[in-house]
Amino acid sequence: TASKFHGCNSEELMVVAALVGPGIVLASNSGVDRSALDDKAEDEDSESEESDSDGCREYNVKVCHPTHEVPTQCGDVVMLKGKGSTETPCVFRESYMDRDARPPRFMVTVDFLPEEIMQKHIELTWSEEESEASAPGDAA
C-alpha cells in the first residue's frame, strides 16, 4: 500500500484488516477529486524518501481534503470495491508514519476474484509447475 491516495485495483472486492499497527485511510466518495488521481500512485514504493513528503501530502489534499478522510484502526475490517465491480473504485492510502519510529505493522489483504480470472491463475500456476518439473537437466 502506498502513502499516496490510489484507487482499489482489485478485480471485484478486496478485504483489508490491520491486525497490528495503524489501518488504512479511506477517502469519502463525496470528497474525492478523481481527476487528480495519479494512476501510478499505488506502484510507488511506500518506503521511498518521498512517501511521507510534503509533495505526497499536497497530492493527497488535491485528491481528498483531510476533512473527507476516514482513518481505520487496528482490528477494523474494511471491504473495498475494486475497479472490476464499479466505475468509481474505493480510494485509499496507507497511514502516514514517522520514518524513524515506524511502529510494527501487520496487514492482511484478501482479493475476491471472479471465477474466470481465478481459473486463469490456477491454469497459469499449474503450467509453471509443469514447466519447472520438465525443465532440462532436472532429471535425476
N, C-alpha and C. Protein backbone atom coordinates (compact mmCIF):
# COMPACT_ATOMS: atom_id res chain seq x y z
N THR A 1 0.83 -1.18 0.00
CA THR A 1 0.00 0.00 0.00
C THR A 1 0.88 1.24 0.00
N ALA A 2 0.49 2.26 -0.68
CA ALA A 2 1.27 3.48 -0.80
C ALA A 2 0.68 4.59 0.08
N SER A 3 1.53 5.57 0.42
CA SER A 3 1.07 6.71 1.20
C SER A 3 0.26 7.69 0.37
N LYS A 4 0.32 7.55 -0.96
CA LYS A 4 -0.49 8.40 -1.83
C LYS A 4 -1.85 7.73 -2.05
N PHE A 5 -2.88 8.57 -2.12
CA PHE A 5 -4.21 8.03 -2.42
C PHE A 5 -4.19 7.36 -3.79
N HIS A 6 -4.86 6.22 -3.89
CA HIS A 6 -4.99 5.50 -5.15
C HIS A 6 -6.27 4.69 -5.12
N GLY A 7 -6.75 4.33 -6.31
CA GLY A 7 -7.96 3.53 -6.41
C GLY A 7 -7.66 2.06 -6.19
N CYS A 8 -8.64 1.34 -5.68
CA CYS A 8 -8.50 -0.10 -5.46
C CYS A 8 -8.44 -0.79 -6.82
N ASN A 9 -7.33 -1.49 -7.08
CA ASN A 9 -7.14 -2.15 -8.38
C ASN A 9 -7.61 -3.60 -8.40
N SER A 10 -8.28 -4.04 -7.35
CA SER A 10 -8.81 -5.40 -7.31
C SER A 10 -9.85 -5.56 -8.40
N GLU A 11 -9.99 -6.79 -8.91
CA GLU A 11 -10.99 -7.05 -9.94
C GLU A 11 -12.41 -6.92 -9.40
N GLU A 12 -12.65 -7.32 -8.20
CA GLU A 12 -14.00 -7.26 -7.63
C GLU A 12 -13.99 -6.54 -6.28
N LEU A 13 -13.66 -7.29 -5.26
CA LEU A 13 -13.64 -6.76 -3.90
C LEU A 13 -12.31 -7.10 -3.24
N MET A 14 -11.92 -6.28 -2.28
CA MET A 14 -10.72 -6.56 -1.51
C MET A 14 -11.07 -6.29 -0.05
N VAL A 15 -10.65 -7.19 0.82
CA VAL A 15 -10.84 -7.01 2.26
C VAL A 15 -9.48 -6.72 2.86
N VAL A 16 -9.41 -5.67 3.68
CA VAL A 16 -8.16 -5.27 4.31
C VAL A 16 -8.39 -5.16 5.80
N ALA A 17 -7.45 -5.71 6.58
CA ALA A 17 -7.53 -5.60 8.04
C ALA A 17 -6.12 -5.38 8.58
N ALA A 18 -5.99 -4.39 9.45
CA ALA A 18 -4.72 -4.18 10.16
C ALA A 18 -4.82 -4.96 11.46
N LEU A 19 -4.00 -5.99 11.60
CA LEU A 19 -4.00 -6.79 12.82
C LEU A 19 -3.04 -6.22 13.86
N VAL A 20 -2.02 -5.50 13.38
CA VAL A 20 -1.07 -4.81 14.25
C VAL A 20 -0.78 -3.47 13.60
N GLY A 21 -0.79 -2.41 14.36
CA GLY A 21 -0.45 -1.09 13.84
C GLY A 21 -1.64 -0.37 13.22
N PRO A 22 -1.36 0.79 12.62
CA PRO A 22 -2.45 1.61 12.06
C PRO A 22 -3.08 0.98 10.83
N GLY A 23 -4.34 1.29 10.62
CA GLY A 23 -5.05 0.81 9.44
C GLY A 23 -4.84 1.74 8.27
N ILE A 24 -5.62 1.52 7.21
CA ILE A 24 -5.55 2.37 6.02
C ILE A 24 -6.42 3.60 6.24
N VAL A 25 -6.28 4.58 5.34
CA VAL A 25 -7.11 5.79 5.37
C VAL A 25 -7.96 5.77 4.11
N LEU A 26 -9.28 5.81 4.31
CA LEU A 26 -10.23 5.81 3.20
C LEU A 26 -10.57 7.24 2.81
N ALA A 27 -10.86 7.45 1.54
CA ALA A 27 -11.33 8.74 1.06
C ALA A 27 -12.83 8.63 0.83
N SER A 28 -13.58 9.50 1.47
CA SER A 28 -15.03 9.51 1.28
C SER A 28 -15.35 9.80 -0.19
N ASN A 29 -16.24 9.01 -0.80
CA ASN A 29 -16.58 9.19 -2.21
C ASN A 29 -16.97 10.63 -2.51
N SER A 30 -17.71 11.26 -1.61
CA SER A 30 -18.18 12.62 -1.86
C SER A 30 -17.04 13.64 -1.83
N GLY A 31 -15.88 13.27 -1.27
CA GLY A 31 -14.77 14.20 -1.18
C GLY A 31 -13.62 13.93 -2.13
N VAL A 32 -13.78 12.96 -3.05
CA VAL A 32 -12.68 12.58 -3.95
C VAL A 32 -12.74 13.37 -5.25
N ASP A 33 -11.59 13.95 -5.64
CA ASP A 33 -11.44 14.57 -6.96
C ASP A 33 -10.75 13.53 -7.82
N ARG A 34 -11.53 12.74 -8.53
CA ARG A 34 -10.97 11.63 -9.33
C ARG A 34 -10.08 12.12 -10.47
N SER A 35 -10.27 13.35 -10.91
CA SER A 35 -9.41 13.88 -11.97
C SER A 35 -7.99 14.12 -11.46
N ALA A 36 -7.81 14.24 -10.16
CA ALA A 36 -6.49 14.47 -9.57
C ALA A 36 -5.75 13.18 -9.26
N LEU A 37 -6.45 12.03 -9.36
CA LEU A 37 -5.82 10.74 -9.05
C LEU A 37 -4.72 10.40 -10.04
N ASP A 38 -3.59 9.96 -9.51
CA ASP A 38 -2.46 9.51 -10.32
C ASP A 38 -2.55 8.00 -10.42
N ASP A 39 -2.68 7.47 -11.65
CA ASP A 39 -2.81 6.03 -11.85
C ASP A 39 -1.62 5.24 -11.33
N LYS A 40 -0.47 5.88 -11.19
CA LYS A 40 0.73 5.18 -10.76
C LYS A 40 1.03 5.35 -9.28
N ALA A 41 0.15 6.02 -8.53
CA ALA A 41 0.41 6.29 -7.11
C ALA A 41 0.61 5.01 -6.32
N GLU A 42 -0.17 3.97 -6.61
CA GLU A 42 -0.06 2.71 -5.87
C GLU A 42 1.26 2.01 -6.15
N ASP A 43 1.80 2.17 -7.35
CA ASP A 43 3.02 1.48 -7.74
C ASP A 43 4.27 2.07 -7.09
N GLU A 44 4.16 3.31 -6.60
CA GLU A 44 5.32 3.93 -5.98
C GLU A 44 5.66 3.23 -4.68
N ASP A 45 6.92 3.08 -4.41
CA ASP A 45 7.39 2.39 -3.22
C ASP A 45 7.03 3.20 -1.98
N SER A 46 6.25 2.63 -1.07
CA SER A 46 5.86 3.34 0.14
C SER A 46 7.04 3.54 1.07
N GLU A 47 8.15 2.86 0.81
CA GLU A 47 9.35 3.04 1.63
C GLU A 47 10.24 4.16 1.08
N SER A 48 9.87 4.73 -0.07
CA SER A 48 10.72 5.74 -0.67
C SER A 48 10.77 6.99 0.20
N GLU A 49 11.79 7.79 -0.02
CA GLU A 49 12.00 9.00 0.76
C GLU A 49 10.83 9.97 0.60
N GLU A 50 10.14 9.89 -0.55
CA GLU A 50 9.09 10.87 -0.84
C GLU A 50 7.71 10.45 -0.35
N SER A 51 7.56 9.25 0.19
CA SER A 51 6.22 8.75 0.50
C SER A 51 5.50 9.58 1.56
N ASP A 52 6.23 10.16 2.50
CA ASP A 52 5.60 10.99 3.52
C ASP A 52 6.01 12.46 3.37
N SER A 53 6.49 12.82 2.20
CA SER A 53 6.99 14.18 1.97
C SER A 53 5.85 15.17 1.82
N ASP A 54 6.23 16.44 1.79
CA ASP A 54 5.22 17.49 1.56
C ASP A 54 4.54 17.30 0.22
N GLY A 55 5.29 16.85 -0.81
CA GLY A 55 4.70 16.64 -2.13
C GLY A 55 3.62 15.57 -2.10
N CYS A 56 3.87 14.51 -1.35
CA CYS A 56 2.90 13.43 -1.19
C CYS A 56 1.65 13.96 -0.49
N ARG A 57 1.85 14.71 0.56
CA ARG A 57 0.71 15.26 1.31
C ARG A 57 -0.08 16.27 0.47
N GLU A 58 0.62 17.07 -0.33
CA GLU A 58 -0.06 18.02 -1.22
C GLU A 58 -0.92 17.28 -2.24
N TYR A 59 -0.36 16.22 -2.80
CA TYR A 59 -1.10 15.38 -3.75
C TYR A 59 -2.36 14.83 -3.08
N ASN A 60 -2.21 14.31 -1.86
CA ASN A 60 -3.35 13.71 -1.16
C ASN A 60 -4.44 14.74 -0.88
N VAL A 61 -4.05 15.97 -0.55
CA VAL A 61 -5.05 17.02 -0.29
C VAL A 61 -5.82 17.36 -1.57
N LYS A 62 -5.12 17.31 -2.73
CA LYS A 62 -5.80 17.56 -4.02
C LYS A 62 -6.82 16.46 -4.30
N VAL A 63 -6.45 15.22 -4.00
CA VAL A 63 -7.34 14.09 -4.26
C VAL A 63 -8.50 14.07 -3.28
N CYS A 64 -8.20 14.27 -2.00
CA CYS A 64 -9.23 14.22 -0.96
C CYS A 64 -8.82 15.09 0.21
N HIS A 65 -9.59 16.12 0.49
CA HIS A 65 -9.29 17.01 1.61
C HIS A 65 -9.36 16.21 2.92
N PRO A 66 -8.47 16.49 3.86
CA PRO A 66 -8.45 15.74 5.13
C PRO A 66 -9.80 15.66 5.85
N THR A 67 -10.68 16.62 5.63
CA THR A 67 -12.00 16.56 6.29
C THR A 67 -12.86 15.43 5.73
N HIS A 68 -12.47 14.87 4.58
CA HIS A 68 -13.20 13.76 3.95
C HIS A 68 -12.46 12.43 4.10
N GLU A 69 -11.38 12.42 4.89
CA GLU A 69 -10.65 11.18 5.13
C GLU A 69 -11.30 10.39 6.26
N VAL A 70 -11.28 9.07 6.14
CA VAL A 70 -11.84 8.18 7.15
C VAL A 70 -10.73 7.20 7.56
N PRO A 71 -10.03 7.50 8.67
CA PRO A 71 -8.97 6.58 9.10
C PRO A 71 -9.56 5.31 9.72
N THR A 72 -8.91 4.19 9.48
CA THR A 72 -9.33 2.94 10.10
C THR A 72 -8.33 2.59 11.20
N GLN A 73 -8.76 1.80 12.12
CA GLN A 73 -7.94 1.45 13.29
C GLN A 73 -7.53 -0.01 13.25
N CYS A 74 -6.59 -0.36 14.09
CA CYS A 74 -6.18 -1.75 14.25
C CYS A 74 -7.42 -2.57 14.61
N GLY A 75 -7.64 -3.66 13.90
CA GLY A 75 -8.79 -4.52 14.15
C GLY A 75 -9.98 -4.26 13.24
N ASP A 76 -10.01 -3.10 12.60
CA ASP A 76 -11.09 -2.81 11.65
C ASP A 76 -10.94 -3.70 10.42
N VAL A 77 -12.05 -4.17 9.90
CA VAL A 77 -12.05 -4.94 8.66
C VAL A 77 -12.79 -4.09 7.63
N VAL A 78 -12.12 -3.80 6.52
CA VAL A 78 -12.68 -2.90 5.51
C VAL A 78 -12.84 -3.66 4.21
N MET A 79 -14.01 -3.55 3.60
CA MET A 79 -14.28 -4.16 2.30
C MET A 79 -14.26 -3.05 1.25
N LEU A 80 -13.37 -3.18 0.26
CA LEU A 80 -13.20 -2.15 -0.76
C LEU A 80 -13.73 -2.65 -2.11
N LYS A 81 -14.49 -1.81 -2.80
CA LYS A 81 -14.93 -2.14 -4.15
C LYS A 81 -13.80 -1.84 -5.11
N GLY A 82 -13.49 -2.81 -5.96
CA GLY A 82 -12.40 -2.65 -6.92
C GLY A 82 -12.88 -2.17 -8.27
N LYS A 83 -11.91 -1.95 -9.17
CA LYS A 83 -12.21 -1.41 -10.49
C LYS A 83 -13.07 -2.33 -11.34
N GLY A 84 -13.08 -3.63 -11.02
CA GLY A 84 -13.89 -4.57 -11.79
C GLY A 84 -15.35 -4.60 -11.38
N SER A 85 -15.68 -3.97 -10.25
CA SER A 85 -17.06 -4.03 -9.79
C SER A 85 -17.78 -2.68 -9.82
N THR A 86 -17.04 -1.61 -10.13
CA THR A 86 -17.66 -0.29 -10.13
C THR A 86 -16.84 0.67 -10.98
N GLU A 87 -17.48 1.71 -11.47
CA GLU A 87 -16.75 2.73 -12.23
C GLU A 87 -15.98 3.67 -11.30
N THR A 88 -16.34 3.67 -10.03
CA THR A 88 -15.67 4.54 -9.05
C THR A 88 -15.11 3.68 -7.92
N PRO A 89 -13.96 3.01 -8.15
CA PRO A 89 -13.39 2.16 -7.11
C PRO A 89 -13.03 2.96 -5.86
N CYS A 90 -12.99 2.27 -4.75
CA CYS A 90 -12.64 2.88 -3.47
C CYS A 90 -11.25 3.50 -3.56
N VAL A 91 -11.09 4.68 -2.98
CA VAL A 91 -9.81 5.38 -2.96
C VAL A 91 -9.29 5.33 -1.53
N PHE A 92 -8.01 4.93 -1.39
CA PHE A 92 -7.43 4.81 -0.04
C PHE A 92 -5.92 5.00 -0.10
N ARG A 93 -5.32 5.08 1.07
CA ARG A 93 -3.87 5.21 1.19
C ARG A 93 -3.43 4.60 2.51
N GLU A 94 -2.12 4.44 2.63
CA GLU A 94 -1.51 3.99 3.88
C GLU A 94 -1.50 5.17 4.85
N SER A 95 -1.52 4.89 6.14
CA SER A 95 -1.39 5.96 7.15
C SER A 95 0.01 6.55 7.07
N TYR A 96 0.11 7.86 7.34
CA TYR A 96 1.44 8.47 7.44
C TYR A 96 2.10 7.94 8.71
N MET A 97 3.37 7.60 8.60
CA MET A 97 4.09 7.10 9.78
C MET A 97 5.44 7.79 9.87
N ASP A 98 5.86 8.03 11.07
CA ASP A 98 7.18 8.61 11.33
C ASP A 98 8.24 7.64 10.84
N ARG A 99 9.12 8.10 9.95
CA ARG A 99 10.13 7.24 9.35
C ARG A 99 11.09 6.66 10.39
N ASP A 100 11.39 7.41 11.44
CA ASP A 100 12.36 6.95 12.45
C ASP A 100 11.72 6.05 13.50
N ALA A 101 10.47 6.28 13.80
CA ALA A 101 9.79 5.50 14.85
C ALA A 101 8.65 4.71 14.24
N ARG A 102 8.91 4.06 13.13
CA ARG A 102 7.89 3.30 12.41
C ARG A 102 7.38 2.16 13.30
N PRO A 103 6.10 2.17 13.65
CA PRO A 103 5.58 1.11 14.52
C PRO A 103 5.46 -0.22 13.79
N PRO A 104 5.47 -1.33 14.53
CA PRO A 104 5.25 -2.62 13.87
C PRO A 104 3.88 -2.62 13.19
N ARG A 105 3.79 -3.32 12.07
CA ARG A 105 2.54 -3.31 11.33
C ARG A 105 2.34 -4.66 10.66
N PHE A 106 1.12 -5.18 10.73
CA PHE A 106 0.79 -6.44 10.06
C PHE A 106 -0.58 -6.27 9.44
N MET A 107 -0.61 -6.25 8.10
CA MET A 107 -1.85 -6.08 7.36
C MET A 107 -2.19 -7.38 6.65
N VAL A 108 -3.48 -7.71 6.63
CA VAL A 108 -3.97 -8.86 5.87
C VAL A 108 -4.87 -8.32 4.77
N THR A 109 -4.60 -8.76 3.53
CA THR A 109 -5.39 -8.33 2.38
C THR A 109 -5.87 -9.57 1.64
N VAL A 110 -7.17 -9.61 1.34
CA VAL A 110 -7.74 -10.73 0.60
C VAL A 110 -8.48 -10.16 -0.60
N ASP A 111 -8.12 -10.65 -1.79
CA ASP A 111 -8.81 -10.24 -3.01
C ASP A 111 -9.84 -11.29 -3.39
N PHE A 112 -11.03 -10.85 -3.77
CA PHE A 112 -12.06 -11.74 -4.28
C PHE A 112 -12.05 -11.63 -5.79
N LEU A 113 -11.80 -12.74 -6.47
CA LEU A 113 -11.70 -12.74 -7.92
C LEU A 113 -12.90 -13.43 -8.55
N PRO A 114 -13.32 -12.94 -9.72
CA PRO A 114 -14.36 -13.66 -10.46
C PRO A 114 -13.83 -15.04 -10.84
N GLU A 115 -14.72 -16.00 -11.01
CA GLU A 115 -14.33 -17.39 -11.26
C GLU A 115 -13.42 -17.54 -12.49
N GLU A 116 -13.72 -16.80 -13.56
CA GLU A 116 -12.90 -16.95 -14.78
C GLU A 116 -11.47 -16.45 -14.56
N ILE A 117 -11.29 -15.40 -13.79
CA ILE A 117 -9.94 -14.91 -13.50
C ILE A 117 -9.22 -15.86 -12.56
N MET A 118 -9.93 -16.37 -11.57
CA MET A 118 -9.33 -17.34 -10.65
C MET A 118 -8.87 -18.58 -11.43
N GLN A 119 -9.68 -19.03 -12.38
CA GLN A 119 -9.32 -20.20 -13.18
C GLN A 119 -8.05 -19.94 -14.00
N LYS A 120 -7.91 -18.73 -14.54
CA LYS A 120 -6.70 -18.38 -15.28
C LYS A 120 -5.47 -18.44 -14.38
N HIS A 121 -5.60 -17.97 -13.14
CA HIS A 121 -4.48 -18.03 -12.18
C HIS A 121 -4.11 -19.48 -11.87
N ILE A 122 -5.12 -20.31 -11.71
CA ILE A 122 -4.87 -21.74 -11.42
C ILE A 122 -4.16 -22.39 -12.60
N GLU A 123 -4.65 -22.14 -13.82
CA GLU A 123 -4.03 -22.71 -15.01
C GLU A 123 -2.60 -22.22 -15.17
N LEU A 124 -2.36 -20.94 -14.91
CA LEU A 124 -1.02 -20.38 -15.01
C LEU A 124 -0.08 -21.04 -14.00
N THR A 125 -0.56 -21.23 -12.78
CA THR A 125 0.25 -21.86 -11.73
C THR A 125 0.60 -23.28 -12.11
N TRP A 126 -0.39 -24.05 -12.60
CA TRP A 126 -0.13 -25.44 -12.97
C TRP A 126 0.82 -25.52 -14.15
N SER A 127 0.67 -24.64 -15.13
CA SER A 127 1.55 -24.69 -16.30
C SER A 127 2.98 -24.32 -15.91
N GLU A 128 3.16 -23.40 -14.96
CA GLU A 128 4.50 -23.05 -14.48
C GLU A 128 5.13 -24.22 -13.75
N GLU A 129 4.36 -24.91 -12.92
CA GLU A 129 4.88 -26.06 -12.18
C GLU A 129 5.27 -27.19 -13.11
N GLU A 130 4.44 -27.43 -14.15
CA GLU A 130 4.75 -28.49 -15.12
C GLU A 130 6.01 -28.14 -15.90
N SER A 131 6.18 -26.85 -16.25
CA SER A 131 7.37 -26.42 -16.99
C SER A 131 8.62 -26.62 -16.15
N GLU A 132 8.54 -26.30 -14.87
CA GLU A 132 9.69 -26.47 -13.97
C GLU A 132 10.04 -27.94 -13.80
N ALA A 133 9.02 -28.78 -13.71
CA ALA A 133 9.24 -30.22 -13.50
C ALA A 133 9.87 -30.88 -14.71
N SER A 134 9.58 -30.35 -15.91
CA SER A 134 10.11 -30.97 -17.12
C SER A 134 11.29 -30.21 -17.71
N ALA A 135 11.86 -29.28 -16.95
CA ALA A 135 12.98 -28.48 -17.45
C ALA A 135 14.21 -29.39 -17.65
N PRO A 136 14.98 -29.15 -18.72
CA PRO A 136 16.17 -29.97 -18.99
C PRO A 136 17.17 -29.87 -17.84
N GLY A 137 17.83 -30.98 -17.56
CA GLY A 137 18.84 -31.00 -16.51
C GLY A 137 18.29 -31.30 -15.14
N ASP A 138 16.95 -31.41 -15.03
CA ASP A 138 16.33 -31.70 -13.73
C ASP A 138 16.20 -33.20 -13.48
N ALA A 139 16.47 -34.01 -14.48
CA ALA A 139 16.30 -35.45 -14.33
C ALA A 139 17.34 -36.00 -13.36
N ALA A 140 16.93 -36.94 -12.53
CA ALA A 140 17.85 -37.50 -11.54
C ALA A 140 18.72 -38.58 -12.14
